[in-house]
Amino acid sequence: MTERSLRVARLALFAALTLVLCYVESTIVLPVTIPGVKLGLANVAVLIALYLMGPRWALGIMILKVLVISFFVGAPSMMLYSLAGSALAFVGMLAAWKLDLFGIVATSVLSAVLHNAGQLLMAMALMHTTVILINLPVMLIAACVMGTLTGSVAAGVLKALPAITQAGASKHRFPAKRRA
């Protein structure tokens, strides 16, 4: 199999994973009625892509995730919230990964917190009010819980997979000794 074929196959695999996780997440009803609180299962694909194949892949999967989630939700305004949250989350995830600050679970929690912060910032900008910050405590708690869940799932998947070699992926592989 050629390198190009491998890249296409990996992209298709992550696209399928993102679609499946978005669908599964859409079928799960959470007992929280605050907009923006959700499981974030599709973030597992972004984390795995970052740790296995590097930031370009992860960015591509993150953009695909935003588009897929926006398609499932069906509201154009939701794309703004998702993009703001995902962009901020990706920047934090990338910084934590590049600086090797924490393991994948803590990186996932940071990403989830920043995702919710990005959504709240977008809501404040669109609604021209800070009243929306009343949701902050619940969203932070949810981000910590869901970030731990998605990070743990990603860590488990990465431990079960052999390392994928990809030009552009750096020293930030997921070796067995890396903190979880």
C-alpha atoms as a PDB file:
ATOM      1  CA  MET A   1       0.000   0.000   0.000  1.00  0.00           C
ATOM      2  CA  THR A   2       1.401   3.404  -0.930  1.00  0.00           C
ATOM      3  CA  GLU A   3       1.867   6.244   1.561  1.00  0.00           C
ATOM      4  CA  ARG A   4      -0.912   8.195  -0.151  1.00  0.00           C
ATOM      5  CA  SER A   5      -3.271   5.233   0.172  1.00  0.00           C
ATOM      6  CA  LEU A   6      -2.423   4.919   3.854  1.00  0.00           C
ATOM      7  CA  ARG A   7      -3.167   8.624   4.427  1.00  0.00           C
ATOM      8  CA  VAL A   8      -6.522   8.321   2.662  1.00  0.00           C
ATOM      9  CA  ALA A   9      -7.373   5.188   4.663  1.00  0.00           C
ATOM     10  CA  ARG A  10      -6.471   6.896   7.950  1.00  0.00           C
ATOM     11  CA  LEU A  11      -8.518   9.952   7.065  1.00  0.00           C
ATOM     12  CA  ALA A  12     -11.483   7.733   6.185  1.00  0.00           C
ATOM     13  CA  LEU A  13     -11.076   5.840   9.465  1.00  0.00           C
ATOM     14  CA  PHE A  14     -11.069   9.030  11.529  1.00  0.00           C
ATOM     15  CA  ALA A  15     -13.946  10.495   9.509  1.00  0.00           C
ATOM     16  CA  ALA A  16     -15.978   7.358  10.161  1.00  0.00           C
ATOM     17  CA  LEU A  17     -15.039   7.396  13.842  1.00  0.00           C
ATOM     18  CA  THR A  18     -16.108  11.039  14.102  1.00  0.00           C
ATOM     19  CA  LEU A  19     -19.432  10.312  12.376  1.00  0.00           C
ATOM     20  CA  VAL A  20     -20.177   7.318  14.578  1.00  0.00           C
ATOM     21  CA  LEU A  21     -19.269   9.140  17.790  1.00  0.00           C
ATOM     22  CA  CYS A  22     -21.364  12.181  16.777  1.00  0.00           C
ATOM     23  CA  TYR A  23     -24.320   9.906  16.070  1.00  0.00           C
ATOM     24  CA  VAL A  24     -23.930   7.959  19.320  1.00  0.00           C
ATOM     25  CA  GLU A  25     -23.682  11.209  21.266  1.00  0.00           C
ATOM     26  CA  SER A  26     -26.839  12.560  19.622  1.00  0.00           C
ATOM     27  CA  THR A  27     -28.801   9.562  20.895  1.00  0.00           C
ATOM     28  CA  ILE A  28     -27.773  10.027  24.536  1.00  0.00           C
ATOM     29  CA  VAL A  29     -29.952  12.325  26.607  1.00  0.00           C
ATOM     30  CA  LEU A  30     -28.145  14.003  29.478  1.00  0.00           C
ATOM     31  CA  PRO A  31     -29.975  15.013  32.665  1.00  0.00           C
ATOM     32  CA  VAL A  32     -28.661  18.590  32.272  1.00  0.00           C
ATOM     33  CA  THR A  33     -30.760  21.189  30.468  1.00  0.00           C
ATOM     34  CA  ILE A  34     -28.028  23.776  29.995  1.00  0.00           C
ATOM     35  CA  PRO A  35     -27.220  24.331  26.302  1.00  0.00           C
ATOM     36  CA  GLY A  36     -23.692  23.287  25.402  1.00  0.00           C
ATOM     37  CA  VAL A  37     -23.348  20.529  28.000  1.00  0.00           C
ATOM     38  CA  LYS A  38     -22.736  17.265  26.186  1.00  0.00           C
ATOM     39  CA  LEU A  39     -20.501  14.226  26.285  1.00  0.00           C
ATOM     40  CA  GLY A  40     -17.985  15.351  23.655  1.00  0.00           C
ATOM     41  CA  LEU A  41     -17.388  11.816  22.409  1.00  0.00           C
ATOM     42  CA  ALA A  42     -16.149  13.011  19.007  1.00  0.00           C
ATOM     43  CA  ASN A  43     -13.224  14.635  20.807  1.00  0.00           C
ATOM     44  CA  VAL A  44     -11.822  11.137  21.265  1.00  0.00           C
ATOM     45  CA  ALA A  45     -11.032  11.118  17.537  1.00  0.00           C
ATOM     46  CA  VAL A  46      -9.270  14.498  17.753  1.00  0.00           C
ATOM     47  CA  LEU A  47      -7.175  13.386  20.729  1.00  0.00           C
ATOM     48  CA  ILE A  48      -6.190  10.125  19.085  1.00  0.00           C
ATOM     49  CA  ALA A  49      -5.282  11.909  15.853  1.00  0.00           C
ATOM     50  CA  LEU A  50      -3.127  14.417  17.753  1.00  0.00           C
ATOM     51  CA  TYR A  51      -1.229  11.802  19.751  1.00  0.00           C
ATOM     52  CA  LEU A  52      -0.800   9.317  16.903  1.00  0.00           C
ATOM     53  CA  MET A  53      -0.380  11.460  13.823  1.00  0.00           C
ATOM     54  CA  GLY A  54       0.295  15.032  14.860  1.00  0.00           C
ATOM     55  CA  PRO A  55      -1.412  18.419  14.833  1.00  0.00           C
ATOM     56  CA  ARG A  56      -2.312  18.715  11.140  1.00  0.00           C
ATOM     57  CA  TRP A  57      -4.350  15.541  11.279  1.00  0.00           C
ATOM     58  CA  ALA A  58      -5.973  16.544  14.535  1.00  0.00           C
ATOM     59  CA  LEU A  59      -6.893  19.958  13.121  1.00  0.00           C
ATOM     60  CA  GLY A  60      -8.476  18.313  10.083  1.00  0.00           C
ATOM     61  CA  ILE A  61     -10.479  15.945  12.285  1.00  0.00           C
ATOM     62  CA  MET A  62     -11.526  18.861  14.520  1.00  0.00           C
ATOM     63  CA  ILE A  63     -12.826  20.791  11.495  1.00  0.00           C
ATOM     64  CA  LEU A  64     -14.628  17.681  10.257  1.00  0.00           C
ATOM     65  CA  LYS A  65     -16.137  17.246  13.735  1.00  0.00           C
ATOM     66  CA  VAL A  66     -17.460  20.827  13.713  1.00  0.00           C
ATOM     67  CA  LEU A  67     -19.019  20.331  10.286  1.00  0.00           C
ATOM     68  CA  VAL A  68     -20.529  16.949  11.169  1.00  0.00           C
ATOM     69  CA  ILE A  69     -21.968  18.149  14.475  1.00  0.00           C
ATOM     70  CA  SER A  70     -23.386  21.246  12.783  1.00  0.00           C
ATOM     71  CA  PHE A  71     -24.968  19.053  10.126  1.00  0.00           C
ATOM     72  CA  PHE A  72     -26.581  16.795  12.739  1.00  0.00           C
ATOM     73  CA  VAL A  73     -27.856  19.714  14.801  1.00  0.00           C
ATOM     74  CA  GLY A  74     -29.115  21.496  11.715  1.00  0.00           C
ATOM     75  CA  ALA A  75     -28.868  25.057  13.033  1.00  0.00           C
ATOM     76  CA  PRO A  76     -26.312  27.359  11.368  1.00  0.00           C
ATOM     77  CA  SER A  77     -25.799  29.278  14.613  1.00  0.00           C
ATOM     78  CA  MET A  78     -24.674  26.065  16.294  1.00  0.00           C
ATOM     79  CA  MET A  79     -21.695  25.991  13.942  1.00  0.00           C
ATOM     80  CA  LEU A  80     -20.511  29.286  15.439  1.00  0.00           C
ATOM     81  CA  TYR A  81     -20.669  27.902  18.976  1.00  0.00           C
ATOM     82  CA  SER A  82     -19.009  24.650  17.962  1.00  0.00           C
ATOM     83  CA  LEU A  83     -16.279  26.393  15.982  1.00  0.00           C
ATOM     84  CA  ALA A  84     -15.509  28.877  18.786  1.00  0.00           C
ATOM     85  CA  GLY A  85     -15.357  26.129  21.391  1.00  0.00           C
ATOM     86  CA  SER A  86     -13.404  23.721  19.207  1.00  0.00           C
ATOM     87  CA  ALA A  87     -10.874  26.344  18.109  1.00  0.00           C
ATOM     88  CA  LEU A  88     -10.107  27.390  21.685  1.00  0.00           C
ATOM     89  CA  ALA A  89     -10.019  23.765  22.804  1.00  0.00           C
ATOM     90  CA  PHE A  90      -7.652  22.840  19.977  1.00  0.00           C
ATOM     91  CA  VAL A  91      -5.248  25.662  20.819  1.00  0.00           C
ATOM     92  CA  GLY A  92      -5.112  24.511  24.444  1.00  0.00           C
ATOM     93  CA  MET A  93      -4.812  20.858  23.470  1.00  0.00           C
ATOM     94  CA  LEU A  94      -2.026  21.646  21.026  1.00  0.00           C
ATOM     95  CA  ALA A  95      -0.111  23.749  23.573  1.00  0.00           C
ATOM     96  CA  ALA A  96      -0.388  21.053  26.243  1.00  0.00           C
ATOM     97  CA  TRP A  97       0.712  18.401  23.740  1.00  0.00           C
ATOM     98  CA  LYS A  98       3.628  20.404  22.301  1.00  0.00           C
ATOM     99  CA  LEU A  99       4.920  21.470  25.713  1.00  0.00           C
ATOM    100  CA  ASP A 100       4.329  17.953  27.053  1.00  0.00           C
ATOM    101  CA  LEU A 101       2.608  19.495  30.083  1.00  0.00           C
ATOM    102  CA  PHE A 102       0.352  16.606  31.079  1.00  0.00           C
ATOM    103  CA  GLY A 103      -0.876  13.241  29.979  1.00  0.00           C
ATOM    104  CA  ILE A 104      -3.729  12.716  27.555  1.00  0.00           C
ATOM    105  CA  VAL A 105      -6.477  12.676  30.218  1.00  0.00           C
ATOM    106  CA  ALA A 106      -5.473  16.058  31.657  1.00  0.00           C
ATOM    107  CA  THR A 107      -5.070  17.416  28.122  1.00  0.00           C
ATOM    108  CA  SER A 108      -8.607  16.244  27.413  1.00  0.00           C
ATOM    109  CA  VAL A 109      -9.943  17.963  30.545  1.00  0.00           C
ATOM    110  CA  LEU A 110      -8.165  21.203  29.585  1.00  0.00           C
ATOM    111  CA  SER A 111      -9.617  20.917  26.099  1.00  0.00           C
ATOM    112  CA  ALA A 112     -13.142  20.355  27.427  1.00  0.00           C
ATOM    113  CA  VAL A 113     -12.911  23.344  29.781  1.00  0.00           C
ATOM    114  CA  LEU A 114     -11.634  25.555  26.954  1.00  0.00           C
ATOM    115  CA  HIS A 115     -14.345  24.264  24.620  1.00  0.00           C
ATOM    116  CA  ASN A 116     -17.034  25.329  27.059  1.00  0.00           C
ATOM    117  CA  ALA A 117     -15.268  28.669  27.607  1.00  0.00           C
ATOM    118  CA  GLY A 118     -15.216  29.252  23.847  1.00  0.00           C
ATOM    119  CA  GLN A 119     -18.913  28.492  23.594  1.00  0.00           C
ATOM    120  CA  LEU A 120     -19.709  30.857  26.459  1.00  0.00           C
ATOM    121  CA  LEU A 121     -17.596  33.614  24.888  1.00  0.00           C
ATOM    122  CA  MET A 122     -19.438  33.148  21.585  1.00  0.00           C
ATOM    123  CA  ALA A 123     -22.799  33.232  23.384  1.00  0.00           C
ATOM    124  CA  MET A 124     -21.831  36.445  25.180  1.00  0.00           C
ATOM    125  CA  ALA A 125     -20.723  38.004  21.893  1.00  0.00           C
ATOM    126  CA  LEU A 126     -23.894  37.003  20.028  1.00  0.00           C
ATOM    127  CA  MET A 127     -26.322  37.835  22.838  1.00  0.00           C
ATOM    128  CA  HIS A 128     -24.494  40.950  24.081  1.00  0.00           C
ATOM    129  CA  THR A 129     -24.861  39.905  27.697  1.00  0.00           C
ATOM    130  CA  THR A 130     -22.824  38.352  30.478  1.00  0.00           C
ATOM    131  CA  VAL A 131     -25.895  36.780  32.093  1.00  0.00           C
ATOM    132  CA  ILE A 132     -24.988  33.606  30.235  1.00  0.00           C
ATOM    133  CA  LEU A 133     -22.106  33.158  32.698  1.00  0.00           C
ATOM    134  CA  ILE A 134     -24.619  31.832  35.201  1.00  0.00           C
ATOM    135  CA  ASN A 135     -24.078  28.495  33.400  1.00  0.00           C
ATOM    136  CA  LEU A 136     -20.319  28.567  34.012  1.00  0.00           C
ATOM    137  CA  PRO A 137     -20.158  26.433  37.201  1.00  0.00           C
ATOM    138  CA  VAL A 138     -22.214  23.589  35.743  1.00  0.00           C
ATOM    139  CA  MET A 139     -20.348  23.772  32.440  1.00  0.00           C
ATOM    140  CA  LEU A 140     -16.970  23.600  34.237  1.00  0.00           C
ATOM    141  CA  ILE A 141     -18.016  20.582  36.273  1.00  0.00           C
ATOM    142  CA  ALA A 142     -19.392  18.891  33.152  1.00  0.00           C
ATOM    143  CA  ALA A 143     -16.181  19.685  31.257  1.00  0.00           C
ATOM    144  CA  CYS A 144     -14.052  18.085  33.971  1.00  0.00           C
ATOM    145  CA  VAL A 145     -16.195  14.954  34.107  1.00  0.00           C
ATOM    146  CA  MET A 146     -16.595  14.585  30.344  1.00  0.00           C
ATOM    147  CA  GLY A 147     -12.981  15.535  29.637  1.00  0.00           C
ATOM    148  CA  THR A 148     -11.853  12.800  32.015  1.00  0.00           C
ATOM    149  CA  LEU A 149     -14.175  10.316  30.308  1.00  0.00           C
ATOM    150  CA  THR A 150     -13.105  11.149  26.750  1.00  0.00           C
ATOM    151  CA  GLY A 151      -9.432  11.346  27.739  1.00  0.00           C
ATOM    152  CA  SER A 152      -9.638   7.953  29.424  1.00  0.00           C
ATOM    153  CA  VAL A 153     -11.284   6.419  26.365  1.00  0.00           C
ATOM    154  CA  ALA A 154      -8.627   7.941  24.088  1.00  0.00           C
ATOM    155  CA  ALA A 155      -5.845   6.703  26.402  1.00  0.00           C
ATOM    156  CA  GLY A 156      -7.295   3.199  26.351  1.00  0.00           C
ATOM    157  CA  VAL A 157      -7.564   3.189  22.563  1.00  0.00           C
ATOM    158  CA  LEU A 158      -4.022   4.490  22.150  1.00  0.00           C
ATOM    159  CA  LYS A 159      -2.620   1.823  24.455  1.00  0.00           C
ATOM    160  CA  ALA A 160      -4.398  -0.829  22.402  1.00  0.00           C
ATOM    161  CA  LEU A 161      -3.151   0.447  19.035  1.00  0.00           C
ATOM    162  CA  PRO A 162       0.305   0.030  17.579  1.00  0.00           C
ATOM    163  CA  ALA A 163       2.080   3.324  16.878  1.00  0.00           C
ATOM    164  CA  ILE A 164       1.260   4.707  13.454  1.00  0.00           C
ATOM    165  CA  THR A 165       4.231   6.280  11.781  1.00  0.00           C
ATOM    166  CA  GLN A 166       3.407   9.439   9.929  1.00  0.00           C
ATOM    167  CA  ALA A 167       5.687  12.136   8.578  1.00  0.00           C
ATOM    168  CA  GLY A 168       4.966  15.273  10.537  1.00  0.00           C
ATOM    169  CA  ALA A 169       4.046  13.493  13.755  1.00  0.00           C
ATOM    170  CA  SER A 170       6.614  14.398  16.345  1.00  0.00           C
ATOM    171  CA  LYS A 171       8.175  12.920  19.451  1.00  0.00           C
ATOM    172  CA  HIS A 172       4.728  13.107  21.049  1.00  0.00           C
ATOM    173  CA  ARG A 173       3.808   9.519  20.384  1.00  0.00           C
ATOM    174  CA  PHE A 174       1.890   7.747  23.088  1.00  0.00           C
ATOM    175  CA  PRO A 175       4.504   5.430  24.615  1.00  0.00           C
ATOM    176  CA  ALA A 176       3.546   3.110  27.444  1.00  0.00           C
ATOM    177  CA  LYS A 177       5.469   5.242  29.966  1.00  0.00           C
ATOM    178  CA  ARG A 178       3.602   8.462  29.097  1.00  0.00           C
ATOM    179  CA  ARG A 179       1.346   9.821  31.832  1.00  0.00           C
ATOM    180  CA  ALA A 180      -2.350   9.079  31.378  1.00  0.00           C
END
